[in-house]
Amino acid sequence: MLTLLKLLKDGRFHSGQALGMALGISRSAIWKQLQHLEAELGLSIHKVRGRGYQLAAPLTLLDPGEITARAYSCDWPILAFDSIDSTNAEALRAIERGQAAPFLVLAERQTSGRGRRGRKWVSPFAENIYYSLVLRIDGGMRQLEGLSLVVGLAVMQALREFGISGVGLKWPNDVLVGQKKIAGILLELVGDPADVCHVVIGVGINVNMQMTDEVDQQWTSMRLELGEAIDRNHLVATLGLMLQTYLGRHQVGGFSAIQAEWEQNHLWQGRAVSLIAGVSQIDGEVLGIDGQGALRLKVDGVEKVFNGGELSLRLRDDS
């Protein structure tokens, strides 16, 4: 079925006869595969008598060779999938199989994409970036301090390279344009952080998505912000180079070397917020972050520090 899609990706008309000859199947089998493509992948395919079949818009698929050529200094092996449950889940399975880190997992779509706190990450086919980079950490807890925030900076800078000047950060793992989410980060750790462990750096970026009914919060995409389609291979390469730069800085100087830059790009710095932890809520004012990436809040005139994967930060109505 995806072989057929690759024949149609140029956005031109192709006759059923030509497609059938290319794939060695009947025209009726082509018709059935086209129906599956529309139903399973949400693609729009035009059918015109006498001309054949045409995708509603040309499609650019992920190309590991092109990505590597654009980001030649990032020599990470790339595991690329047409469809997978989740790139983070596949990364964890690859670690179990003994795949040597670092390596990168990409997918055209995810059937069970995951965000923080168990949320679904909407993952339409060939529209966005679903990206998981696996690193090996050898006995260096310091290398994990503030790591998700470091990744956020790299994602933000990659988006700015494409012209999205209004992009900024929200503690701990969101990348926003104004109040709208454009990217998110999910880190997962396996092994012993005090000895040898692996960290999976999951990044989801809304790239060419223009509509969906499945997201339960304000969102935007690079295409909506810029008014044009984005080359996802170029974006993956740019993100790799940014991650290489920021992870290198973090490894040498620790998070404290990057702390000030992160605070400068925190969209909610100095704002009145509510910190949600389960059923409890703490109201305060954002002071910044500490040297480990924990959130500093002024609560009833007293500075308090908060950290943890299950915390959620929201702007107060009066902010």
C-alpha atoms as a PDB file:
ATOM      1  CA  MET A   1       0.000   0.000   0.000  1.00  0.00           C
ATOM      2  CA  LEU A   2       2.802   2.435   0.869  1.00  0.00           C
ATOM      3  CA  THR A   3       4.589   1.467  -2.350  1.00  0.00           C
ATOM      4  CA  LEU A   4       1.530   2.815  -4.175  1.00  0.00           C
ATOM      5  CA  LEU A   5       1.674   5.985  -2.106  1.00  0.00           C
ATOM      6  CA  LYS A   6       5.295   6.552  -3.114  1.00  0.00           C
ATOM      7  CA  LEU A   7       4.230   6.406  -6.784  1.00  0.00           C
ATOM      8  CA  LEU A   8       1.590   9.071  -6.124  1.00  0.00           C
ATOM      9  CA  LYS A   9       3.641  11.357  -3.863  1.00  0.00           C
ATOM     10  CA  ASP A  10       4.596  13.752  -6.698  1.00  0.00           C
ATOM     11  CA  GLY A  11       1.010  15.100  -6.720  1.00  0.00           C
ATOM     12  CA  ARG A  12       0.529  14.370 -10.449  1.00  0.00           C
ATOM     13  CA  PHE A  13      -2.144  12.266 -12.098  1.00  0.00           C
ATOM     14  CA  HIS A  14      -1.339   8.580 -12.613  1.00  0.00           C
ATOM     15  CA  SER A  15      -3.629   6.237 -14.519  1.00  0.00           C
ATOM     16  CA  GLY A  16      -4.910   3.112 -12.861  1.00  0.00           C
ATOM     17  CA  GLN A  17      -3.402   1.064 -15.683  1.00  0.00           C
ATOM     18  CA  ALA A  18       0.066   2.596 -15.187  1.00  0.00           C
ATOM     19  CA  LEU A  19      -0.100   2.094 -11.428  1.00  0.00           C
ATOM     20  CA  GLY A  20      -1.245  -1.499 -11.870  1.00  0.00           C
ATOM     21  CA  MET A  21       1.613  -2.238 -14.287  1.00  0.00           C
ATOM     22  CA  ALA A  22       4.158  -0.669 -11.929  1.00  0.00           C
ATOM     23  CA  LEU A  23       2.957  -2.801  -9.015  1.00  0.00           C
ATOM     24  CA  GLY A  24       2.019  -5.936 -10.953  1.00  0.00           C
ATOM     25  CA  ILE A  25      -1.596  -5.916  -9.751  1.00  0.00           C
ATOM     26  CA  SER A  26      -5.011  -5.282 -11.295  1.00  0.00           C
ATOM     27  CA  ARG A  27      -6.753  -1.912 -11.580  1.00  0.00           C
ATOM     28  CA  SER A  28      -9.399  -3.117  -9.131  1.00  0.00           C
ATOM     29  CA  ALA A  29      -6.639  -3.966  -6.629  1.00  0.00           C
ATOM     30  CA  ILE A  30      -5.250  -0.441  -7.106  1.00  0.00           C
ATOM     31  CA  TRP A  31      -8.705   0.957  -6.343  1.00  0.00           C
ATOM     32  CA  LYS A  32      -8.929  -1.064  -3.138  1.00  0.00           C
ATOM     33  CA  GLN A  33      -5.465   0.079  -2.004  1.00  0.00           C
ATOM     34  CA  LEU A  34      -6.402   3.704  -2.671  1.00  0.00           C
ATOM     35  CA  GLN A  35      -9.482   3.306  -0.494  1.00  0.00           C
ATOM     36  CA  HIS A  36      -7.285   1.900   2.286  1.00  0.00           C
ATOM     37  CA  LEU A  37      -4.866   4.835   1.946  1.00  0.00           C
ATOM     38  CA  GLU A  38      -7.709   7.312   2.344  1.00  0.00           C
ATOM     39  CA  ALA A  39      -9.295   5.462   5.260  1.00  0.00           C
ATOM     40  CA  GLU A  40      -6.162   4.530   7.220  1.00  0.00           C
ATOM     41  CA  LEU A  41      -3.910   7.528   6.595  1.00  0.00           C
ATOM     42  CA  GLY A  42      -6.493  10.267   6.201  1.00  0.00           C
ATOM     43  CA  LEU A  43      -5.192  11.226   2.754  1.00  0.00           C
ATOM     44  CA  SER A  44      -7.314  12.929   0.115  1.00  0.00           C
ATOM     45  CA  ILE A  45      -7.008  11.376  -3.344  1.00  0.00           C
ATOM     46  CA  HIS A  46      -8.661  12.900  -6.428  1.00  0.00           C
ATOM     47  CA  LYS A  47     -10.157  10.501  -8.959  1.00  0.00           C
ATOM     48  CA  VAL A  48     -10.820  11.896 -12.432  1.00  0.00           C
ATOM     49  CA  ARG A  49     -12.139   9.745 -15.278  1.00  0.00           C
ATOM     50  CA  GLY A  50      -9.692   9.650 -18.156  1.00  0.00           C
ATOM     51  CA  ARG A  51      -6.809  11.069 -16.065  1.00  0.00           C
ATOM     52  CA  GLY A  52      -6.465   8.696 -13.134  1.00  0.00           C
ATOM     53  CA  TYR A  53      -5.555   9.340  -9.513  1.00  0.00           C
ATOM     54  CA  GLN A  54      -3.816  12.275  -7.841  1.00  0.00           C
ATOM     55  CA  LEU A  55      -2.985  13.154  -4.254  1.00  0.00           C
ATOM     56  CA  ALA A  56      -4.691  16.383  -3.204  1.00  0.00           C
ATOM     57  CA  ALA A  57      -1.225  17.767  -2.444  1.00  0.00           C
ATOM     58  CA  PRO A  58       2.310  16.503  -3.175  1.00  0.00           C
ATOM     59  CA  LEU A  59       3.840  14.488  -0.357  1.00  0.00           C
ATOM     60  CA  THR A  60       7.440  14.582   0.849  1.00  0.00           C
ATOM     61  CA  LEU A  61       8.387  11.507   2.838  1.00  0.00           C
ATOM     62  CA  LEU A  62      11.198  11.219   5.366  1.00  0.00           C
ATOM     63  CA  ASP A  63      14.509  10.274   3.764  1.00  0.00           C
ATOM     64  CA  PRO A  64      17.315   9.147   6.118  1.00  0.00           C
ATOM     65  CA  GLY A  65      19.896   9.628   3.359  1.00  0.00           C
ATOM     66  CA  GLU A  66      18.884  13.240   2.784  1.00  0.00           C
ATOM     67  CA  ILE A  67      18.772  13.945   6.526  1.00  0.00           C
ATOM     68  CA  THR A  68      22.280  12.559   7.014  1.00  0.00           C
ATOM     69  CA  ALA A  69      23.598  14.538   4.056  1.00  0.00           C
ATOM     70  CA  ARG A  70      22.181  17.783   5.482  1.00  0.00           C
ATOM     71  CA  ALA A  71      23.444  17.085   9.013  1.00  0.00           C
ATOM     72  CA  TYR A  72      26.710  15.342   8.182  1.00  0.00           C
ATOM     73  CA  SER A  73      28.209  15.907  11.661  1.00  0.00           C
ATOM     74  CA  CYS A  74      25.316  13.972  13.251  1.00  0.00           C
ATOM     75  CA  ASP A  75      26.331  10.447  12.326  1.00  0.00           C
ATOM     76  CA  TRP A  76      23.510   8.836  14.316  1.00  0.00           C
ATOM     77  CA  PRO A  77      22.034   5.709  12.696  1.00  0.00           C
ATOM     78  CA  ILE A  78      18.413   6.422  11.709  1.00  0.00           C
ATOM     79  CA  LEU A  79      15.636   3.857  12.145  1.00  0.00           C
ATOM     80  CA  ALA A  80      12.757   5.151   9.989  1.00  0.00           C
ATOM     81  CA  PHE A  81       9.229   3.694   9.942  1.00  0.00           C
ATOM     82  CA  ASP A  82       6.150   4.352   7.824  1.00  0.00           C
ATOM     83  CA  SER A  83       3.862   3.645  10.784  1.00  0.00           C
ATOM     84  CA  ILE A  84       4.592   2.679  14.376  1.00  0.00           C
ATOM     85  CA  ASP A  85       2.893   2.788  17.763  1.00  0.00           C
ATOM     86  CA  SER A  86       5.326   5.396  19.115  1.00  0.00           C
ATOM     87  CA  THR A  87       8.908   6.357  18.344  1.00  0.00           C
ATOM     88  CA  ASN A  88       9.729   6.384  22.060  1.00  0.00           C
ATOM     89  CA  ALA A  89       8.297   2.890  22.465  1.00  0.00           C
ATOM     90  CA  GLU A  90      10.311   1.635  19.492  1.00  0.00           C
ATOM     91  CA  ALA A  91      13.431   3.311  20.889  1.00  0.00           C
ATOM     92  CA  LEU A  92      12.974   1.440  24.166  1.00  0.00           C
ATOM     93  CA  ARG A  93      12.522  -1.838  22.283  1.00  0.00           C
ATOM     94  CA  ALA A  94      15.678  -1.146  20.272  1.00  0.00           C
ATOM     95  CA  ILE A  95      17.626  -0.613  23.505  1.00  0.00           C
ATOM     96  CA  GLU A  96      16.396  -4.011  24.711  1.00  0.00           C
ATOM     97  CA  ARG A  97      17.529  -5.568  21.411  1.00  0.00           C
ATOM     98  CA  GLY A  98      21.020  -4.194  22.015  1.00  0.00           C
ATOM     99  CA  GLN A  99      21.034  -1.345  19.481  1.00  0.00           C
ATOM    100  CA  ALA A 100      24.106   0.765  20.232  1.00  0.00           C
ATOM    101  CA  ALA A 101      23.457   4.388  21.198  1.00  0.00           C
ATOM    102  CA  PRO A 102      23.296   7.059  19.992  1.00  0.00           C
ATOM    103  CA  PHE A 103      20.623   6.339  17.397  1.00  0.00           C
ATOM    104  CA  LEU A 104      17.499   8.065  16.104  1.00  0.00           C
ATOM    105  CA  VAL A 105      13.972   6.728  15.546  1.00  0.00           C
ATOM    106  CA  LEU A 106      11.638   8.527  13.127  1.00  0.00           C
ATOM    107  CA  ALA A 107       8.146   7.713  11.884  1.00  0.00           C
ATOM    108  CA  GLU A 108       5.735   9.064   9.291  1.00  0.00           C
ATOM    109  CA  ARG A 109       2.908   8.482  11.757  1.00  0.00           C
ATOM    110  CA  GLN A 110       2.279   7.105  15.248  1.00  0.00           C
ATOM    111  CA  THR A 111      -0.774   5.038  16.115  1.00  0.00           C
ATOM    112  CA  SER A 112      -0.262   5.492  19.873  1.00  0.00           C
ATOM    113  CA  GLY A 113       1.795   8.671  20.190  1.00  0.00           C
ATOM    114  CA  ARG A 114       2.368   9.743  23.795  1.00  0.00           C
ATOM    115  CA  GLY A 115       2.845  13.098  25.449  1.00  0.00           C
ATOM    116  CA  ARG A 116       3.527  13.961  29.087  1.00  0.00           C
ATOM    117  CA  ARG A 117       1.226  12.725  31.826  1.00  0.00           C
ATOM    118  CA  GLY A 118      -0.196   9.979  29.605  1.00  0.00           C
ATOM    119  CA  ARG A 119      -1.737  12.326  27.057  1.00  0.00           C
ATOM    120  CA  LYS A 120      -2.239  11.283  23.439  1.00  0.00           C
ATOM    121  CA  TRP A 121       0.056  12.964  20.901  1.00  0.00           C
ATOM    122  CA  VAL A 122      -1.873  13.415  17.645  1.00  0.00           C
ATOM    123  CA  SER A 123       0.289  11.976  14.856  1.00  0.00           C
ATOM    124  CA  PRO A 124      -1.162  12.227  11.304  1.00  0.00           C
ATOM    125  CA  PHE A 125       0.724  10.619   8.440  1.00  0.00           C
ATOM    126  CA  ALA A 126       3.613  12.556   6.813  1.00  0.00           C
ATOM    127  CA  GLU A 127       2.624  15.906   8.307  1.00  0.00           C
ATOM    128  CA  ASN A 128       4.673  16.354  11.474  1.00  0.00           C
ATOM    129  CA  ILE A 129       7.905  15.243  13.137  1.00  0.00           C
ATOM    130  CA  TYR A 130       7.869  12.244  15.504  1.00  0.00           C
ATOM    131  CA  TYR A 131      11.444  11.943  16.724  1.00  0.00           C
ATOM    132  CA  SER A 132      13.224   9.907  19.409  1.00  0.00           C
ATOM    133  CA  LEU A 133      16.959  10.220  20.018  1.00  0.00           C
ATOM    134  CA  VAL A 134      18.596   7.640  22.291  1.00  0.00           C
ATOM    135  CA  LEU A 135      21.711   8.514  24.286  1.00  0.00           C
ATOM    136  CA  ARG A 136      23.814   6.368  26.589  1.00  0.00           C
ATOM    137  CA  ILE A 137      24.687   7.996  29.930  1.00  0.00           C
ATOM    138  CA  ASP A 138      27.660   6.553  31.821  1.00  0.00           C
ATOM    139  CA  GLY A 139      27.494   7.263  35.550  1.00  0.00           C
ATOM    140  CA  GLY A 140      26.782  10.942  35.178  1.00  0.00           C
ATOM    141  CA  MET A 141      23.718  12.139  37.049  1.00  0.00           C
ATOM    142  CA  ARG A 142      24.895  15.664  36.213  1.00  0.00           C
ATOM    143  CA  GLN A 143      24.262  14.882  32.540  1.00  0.00           C
ATOM    144  CA  LEU A 144      20.558  14.418  33.331  1.00  0.00           C
ATOM    145  CA  GLU A 145      20.049  17.692  35.226  1.00  0.00           C
ATOM    146  CA  GLY A 146      17.687  19.937  33.319  1.00  0.00           C
ATOM    147  CA  LEU A 147      18.025  17.758  30.221  1.00  0.00           C
ATOM    148  CA  SER A 148      14.442  18.234  29.004  1.00  0.00           C
ATOM    149  CA  LEU A 149      14.882  22.002  29.264  1.00  0.00           C
ATOM    150  CA  VAL A 150      18.089  21.810  27.227  1.00  0.00           C
ATOM    151  CA  VAL A 151      16.204  19.870  24.550  1.00  0.00           C
ATOM    152  CA  GLY A 152      13.500  22.549  24.602  1.00  0.00           C
ATOM    153  CA  LEU A 153      16.101  25.199  23.792  1.00  0.00           C
ATOM    154  CA  ALA A 154      17.389  23.145  20.861  1.00  0.00           C
ATOM    155  CA  VAL A 155      13.867  22.664  19.488  1.00  0.00           C
ATOM    156  CA  MET A 156      13.119  26.377  19.895  1.00  0.00           C
ATOM    157  CA  GLN A 157      16.291  27.383  18.058  1.00  0.00           C
ATOM    158  CA  ALA A 158      15.560  24.929  15.223  1.00  0.00           C
ATOM    159  CA  LEU A 159      12.129  26.530  14.752  1.00  0.00           C
ATOM    160  CA  ARG A 160      13.670  29.996  14.764  1.00  0.00           C
ATOM    161  CA  GLU A 161      16.025  28.878  12.001  1.00  0.00           C
ATOM    162  CA  PHE A 162      12.887  28.391   9.879  1.00  0.00           C
ATOM    163  CA  GLY A 163      11.588  31.881  10.639  1.00  0.00           C
ATOM    164  CA  ILE A 164       9.265  31.350  13.612  1.00  0.00           C
ATOM    165  CA  SER A 165      10.497  34.310  15.634  1.00  0.00           C
ATOM    166  CA  GLY A 166       7.743  34.299  18.261  1.00  0.00           C
ATOM    167  CA  VAL A 167       8.498  30.812  19.569  1.00  0.00           C
ATOM    168  CA  GLY A 168       9.427  30.380  23.234  1.00  0.00           C
ATOM    169  CA  LEU A 169       9.416  27.940  26.149  1.00  0.00           C
ATOM    170  CA  LYS A 170       7.030  26.912  28.901  1.00  0.00           C
ATOM    171  CA  TRP A 171       8.313  24.949  31.886  1.00  0.00           C
ATOM    172  CA  PRO A 172       8.995  22.108  31.813  1.00  0.00           C
ATOM    173  CA  ASN A 173       8.617  20.552  28.357  1.00  0.00           C
ATOM    174  CA  ASP A 174       6.491  22.681  26.021  1.00  0.00           C
ATOM    175  CA  VAL A 175       7.436  24.900  23.107  1.00  0.00           C
ATOM    176  CA  LEU A 176       4.849  27.591  22.368  1.00  0.00           C
ATOM    177  CA  VAL A 177       4.032  30.367  19.946  1.00  0.00           C
ATOM    178  CA  GLY A 178       2.115  32.817  22.098  1.00  0.00           C
ATOM    179  CA  GLN A 179      -0.323  30.610  24.014  1.00  0.00           C
ATOM    180  CA  LYS A 180      -0.385  27.883  21.353  1.00  0.00           C
ATOM    181  CA  LYS A 181       1.629  24.683  21.568  1.00  0.00           C
ATOM    182  CA  ILE A 182       3.822  23.879  18.576  1.00  0.00           C
ATOM    183  CA  ALA A 183       6.107  21.189  20.052  1.00  0.00           C
ATOM    184  CA  GLY A 184       6.503  18.964  23.088  1.00  0.00           C
ATOM    185  CA  ILE A 185       9.211  16.865  24.693  1.00  0.00           C
ATOM    186  CA  LEU A 186       9.005  13.535  26.518  1.00  0.00           C
ATOM    187  CA  LEU A 187      12.106  12.038  28.160  1.00  0.00           C
ATOM    188  CA  GLU A 188      12.189   8.402  29.316  1.00  0.00           C
ATOM    189  CA  LEU A 189      15.004   6.765  31.257  1.00  0.00           C
ATOM    190  CA  VAL A 190      15.974   3.088  31.461  1.00  0.00           C
ATOM    191  CA  GLY A 191      18.818   1.579  33.451  1.00  0.00           C
ATOM    192  CA  ASP A 192      20.704   2.838  36.508  1.00  0.00           C
ATOM    193  CA  PRO A 193      21.298   6.627  36.484  1.00  0.00           C
ATOM    194  CA  ALA A 194      24.150   6.156  38.967  1.00  0.00           C
ATOM    195  CA  ASP A 195      25.898   3.676  36.670  1.00  0.00           C
ATOM    196  CA  VAL A 196      24.894   3.100  33.043  1.00  0.00           C
ATOM    197  CA  CYS A 197      21.537   4.157  31.646  1.00  0.00           C
ATOM    198  CA  HIS A 198      19.872   5.210  28.416  1.00  0.00           C
ATOM    199  CA  VAL A 199      17.718   8.273  27.946  1.00  0.00           C
ATOM    200  CA  VAL A 200      15.139   8.490  25.162  1.00  0.00           C
ATOM    201  CA  ILE A 201      14.601  12.090  24.045  1.00  0.00           C
ATOM    202  CA  GLY A 202      11.185  12.189  22.405  1.00  0.00           C
ATOM    203  CA  VAL A 203      10.270  15.290  20.401  1.00  0.00           C
ATOM    204  CA  GLY A 204       7.002  15.984  18.616  1.00  0.00           C
ATOM    205  CA  ILE A 205       6.741  19.053  16.367  1.00  0.00           C
ATOM    206  CA  ASN A 206       3.601  20.224  14.567  1.00  0.00           C
ATOM    207  CA  VAL A 207       5.031  20.920  11.126  1.00  0.00           C
ATOM    208  CA  ASN A 208       2.523  20.859   8.258  1.00  0.00           C
ATOM    209  CA  MET A 209      -0.657  19.949  10.163  1.00  0.00           C
ATOM    210  CA  GLN A 210      -3.439  22.422   9.371  1.00  0.00           C
ATOM    211  CA  MET A 211      -6.476  20.941  11.083  1.00  0.00           C
ATOM    212  CA  THR A 212      -7.451  18.283  13.611  1.00  0.00           C
ATOM    213  CA  ASP A 213     -10.337  17.675  16.001  1.00  0.00           C
ATOM    214  CA  GLU A 214      -8.247  15.538  18.348  1.00  0.00           C
ATOM    215  CA  VAL A 215      -6.142  18.097  20.259  1.00  0.00           C
ATOM    216  CA  ASP A 216      -7.680  19.277  23.558  1.00  0.00           C
ATOM    217  CA  GLN A 217      -5.581  22.458  23.916  1.00  0.00           C
ATOM    218  CA  GLN A 218      -4.600  25.472  21.837  1.00  0.00           C
ATOM    219  CA  TRP A 219      -2.102  24.473  19.158  1.00  0.00           C
ATOM    220  CA  THR A 220      -0.417  25.734  16.045  1.00  0.00           C
ATOM    221  CA  SER A 221       2.013  24.419  13.431  1.00  0.00           C
ATOM    222  CA  MET A 222       4.951  25.726  11.448  1.00  0.00           C
ATOM    223  CA  ARG A 223       2.812  25.820   8.316  1.00  0.00           C
ATOM    224  CA  LEU A 224       0.047  27.787  10.028  1.00  0.00           C
ATOM    225  CA  GLU A 225       2.602  30.281  11.349  1.00  0.00           C
ATOM    226  CA  LEU A 226       4.578  30.685   8.116  1.00  0.00           C
ATOM    227  CA  GLY A 227       1.877  30.139   5.493  1.00  0.00           C
ATOM    228  CA  GLU A 228       3.855  27.543   3.551  1.00  0.00           C
ATOM    229  CA  ALA A 229       4.766  23.866   3.693  1.00  0.00           C
ATOM    230  CA  ILE A 230       7.994  22.915   5.475  1.00  0.00           C
ATOM    231  CA  ASP A 231      10.559  20.371   4.277  1.00  0.00           C
ATOM    232  CA  ARG A 232      10.556  17.887   7.154  1.00  0.00           C
ATOM    233  CA  ASN A 233      13.893  16.345   6.157  1.00  0.00           C
ATOM    234  CA  HIS A 234      15.508  19.773   6.410  1.00  0.00           C
ATOM    235  CA  LEU A 235      13.843  20.298   9.800  1.00  0.00           C
ATOM    236  CA  VAL A 236      15.026  16.925  11.178  1.00  0.00           C
ATOM    237  CA  ALA A 237      18.582  17.720  10.063  1.00  0.00           C
ATOM    238  CA  THR A 238      18.453  21.200  11.624  1.00  0.00           C
ATOM    239  CA  LEU A 239      17.064  19.796  14.881  1.00  0.00           C
ATOM    240  CA  GLY A 240      19.870  17.221  14.986  1.00  0.00           C
ATOM    241  CA  LEU A 241      22.517  19.902  14.623  1.00  0.00           C
ATOM    242  CA  MET A 242      20.887  22.046  17.333  1.00  0.00           C
ATOM    243  CA  LEU A 243      20.647  19.085  19.691  1.00  0.00           C
ATOM    244  CA  GLN A 244      24.280  18.232  19.049  1.00  0.00           C
ATOM    245  CA  THR A 245      25.270  21.803  19.975  1.00  0.00           C
ATOM    246  CA  TYR A 246      23.152  22.125  23.107  1.00  0.00           C
ATOM    247  CA  LEU A 247      23.810  18.608  24.396  1.00  0.00           C
ATOM    248  CA  GLY A 248      27.534  19.276  23.964  1.00  0.00           C
ATOM    249  CA  ARG A 249      27.286  22.494  25.979  1.00  0.00           C
ATOM    250  CA  HIS A 250      25.298  20.678  28.653  1.00  0.00           C
ATOM    251  CA  GLN A 251      27.809  17.857  28.881  1.00  0.00           C
ATOM    252  CA  VAL A 252      30.723  20.262  29.332  1.00  0.00           C
ATOM    253  CA  GLY A 253      29.204  22.882  31.627  1.00  0.00           C
ATOM    254  CA  GLY A 254      26.144  21.252  33.163  1.00  0.00           C
ATOM    255  CA  PHE A 255      22.718  22.829  33.140  1.00  0.00           C
ATOM    256  CA  SER A 256      23.872  25.880  35.070  1.00  0.00           C
ATOM    257  CA  ALA A 257      25.801  26.963  31.941  1.00  0.00           C
ATOM    258  CA  ILE A 258      22.504  27.132  30.017  1.00  0.00           C
ATOM    259  CA  GLN A 259      20.173  28.251  32.823  1.00  0.00           C
ATOM    260  CA  ALA A 260      20.216  31.973  32.000  1.00  0.00           C
ATOM    261  CA  GLU A 261      19.493  31.386  28.308  1.00  0.00           C
ATOM    262  CA  TRP A 262      16.537  29.193  29.178  1.00  0.00           C
ATOM    263  CA  GLU A 263      15.086  31.825  31.541  1.00  0.00           C
ATOM    264  CA  GLN A 264      15.473  34.502  28.855  1.00  0.00           C
ATOM    265  CA  ASN A 265      13.253  32.419  26.580  1.00  0.00           C
ATOM    266  CA  HIS A 266      10.661  31.375  29.172  1.00  0.00           C
ATOM    267  CA  LEU A 267       7.399  32.937  28.016  1.00  0.00           C
ATOM    268  CA  TRP A 268       5.888  32.758  31.510  1.00  0.00           C
ATOM    269  CA  GLN A 269       8.777  34.377  33.379  1.00  0.00           C
ATOM    270  CA  GLY A 270       7.351  36.686  36.079  1.00  0.00           C
ATOM    271  CA  ARG A 271       3.769  35.586  35.363  1.00  0.00           C
ATOM    272  CA  ALA A 272       1.114  34.541  37.871  1.00  0.00           C
ATOM    273  CA  VAL A 273       0.562  30.799  37.519  1.00  0.00           C
ATOM    274  CA  SER A 274      -1.060  27.781  39.076  1.00  0.00           C
ATOM    275  CA  LEU A 275       1.028  24.637  39.542  1.00  0.00           C
ATOM    276  CA  ILE A 276      -1.142  21.517  39.354  1.00  0.00           C
ATOM    277  CA  ALA A 277       0.013  18.346  41.098  1.00  0.00           C
ATOM    278  CA  GLY A 278      -2.716  15.722  41.012  1.00  0.00           C
ATOM    279  CA  VAL A 279      -5.724  17.249  42.764  1.00  0.00           C
ATOM    280  CA  SER A 280      -3.720  19.971  44.518  1.00  0.00           C
ATOM    281  CA  GLN A 281      -3.051  23.461  43.178  1.00  0.00           C
ATOM    282  CA  ILE A 282      -0.361  25.935  44.203  1.00  0.00           C
ATOM    283  CA  ASP A 283      -0.655  29.563  43.121  1.00  0.00           C
ATOM    284  CA  GLY A 284       2.439  31.696  42.755  1.00  0.00           C
ATOM    285  CA  GLU A 285       4.618  33.879  40.569  1.00  0.00           C
ATOM    286  CA  VAL A 286       7.329  32.432  38.318  1.00  0.00           C
ATOM    287  CA  LEU A 287      10.777  33.513  39.520  1.00  0.00           C
ATOM    288  CA  GLY A 288      12.704  31.259  37.160  1.00  0.00           C
ATOM    289  CA  ILE A 289      14.488  27.935  37.460  1.00  0.00           C
ATOM    290  CA  ASP A 290      17.366  26.673  39.566  1.00  0.00           C
ATOM    291  CA  GLY A 291      20.656  25.075  38.489  1.00  0.00           C
ATOM    292  CA  GLN A 292      18.995  21.651  38.108  1.00  0.00           C
ATOM    293  CA  GLY A 293      16.058  22.929  36.045  1.00  0.00           C
ATOM    294  CA  ALA A 294      13.492  22.938  38.861  1.00  0.00           C
ATOM    295  CA  LEU A 295      10.817  25.650  38.863  1.00  0.00           C
ATOM    296  CA  ARG A 296      11.194  28.541  41.301  1.00  0.00           C
ATOM    297  CA  LEU A 297       7.912  30.063  42.444  1.00  0.00           C
ATOM    298  CA  LYS A 298       7.129  32.869  44.869  1.00  0.00           C
ATOM    299  CA  VAL A 299       4.286  31.488  46.979  1.00  0.00           C
ATOM    300  CA  ASP A 300       2.804  33.828  49.598  1.00  0.00           C
ATOM    301  CA  GLY A 301       5.994  35.886  49.547  1.00  0.00           C
ATOM    302  CA  VAL A 302       8.286  32.864  49.992  1.00  0.00           C
ATOM    303  CA  GLU A 303      10.403  31.223  47.283  1.00  0.00           C
ATOM    304  CA  LYS A 304       9.679  27.531  46.780  1.00  0.00           C
ATOM    305  CA  VAL A 305      11.201  25.046  44.340  1.00  0.00           C
ATOM    306  CA  PHE A 306       9.248  22.364  42.461  1.00  0.00           C
ATOM    307  CA  ASN A 307      10.270  19.530  40.172  1.00  0.00           C
ATOM    308  CA  GLY A 308       8.685  16.339  38.919  1.00  0.00           C
ATOM    309  CA  GLY A 309       7.288  14.733  35.805  1.00  0.00           C
ATOM    310  CA  GLU A 310       3.653  14.906  36.875  1.00  0.00           C
ATOM    311  CA  LEU A 311       3.512  18.659  37.475  1.00  0.00           C
ATOM    312  CA  SER A 312       1.556  20.934  35.151  1.00  0.00           C
ATOM    313  CA  LEU A 313       1.868  24.706  34.927  1.00  0.00           C
ATOM    314  CA  ARG A 314      -1.025  26.969  33.915  1.00  0.00           C
ATOM    315  CA  LEU A 315      -1.418  30.713  33.621  1.00  0.00           C
ATOM    316  CA  ARG A 316      -3.774  32.203  36.170  1.00  0.00           C
ATOM    317  CA  ASP A 317      -6.789  34.054  34.820  1.00  0.00           C
ATOM    318  CA  ASP A 318      -5.548  37.268  36.401  1.00  0.00           C
ATOM    319  CA  SER A 319      -2.040  36.965  34.837  1.00  0.00           C
END
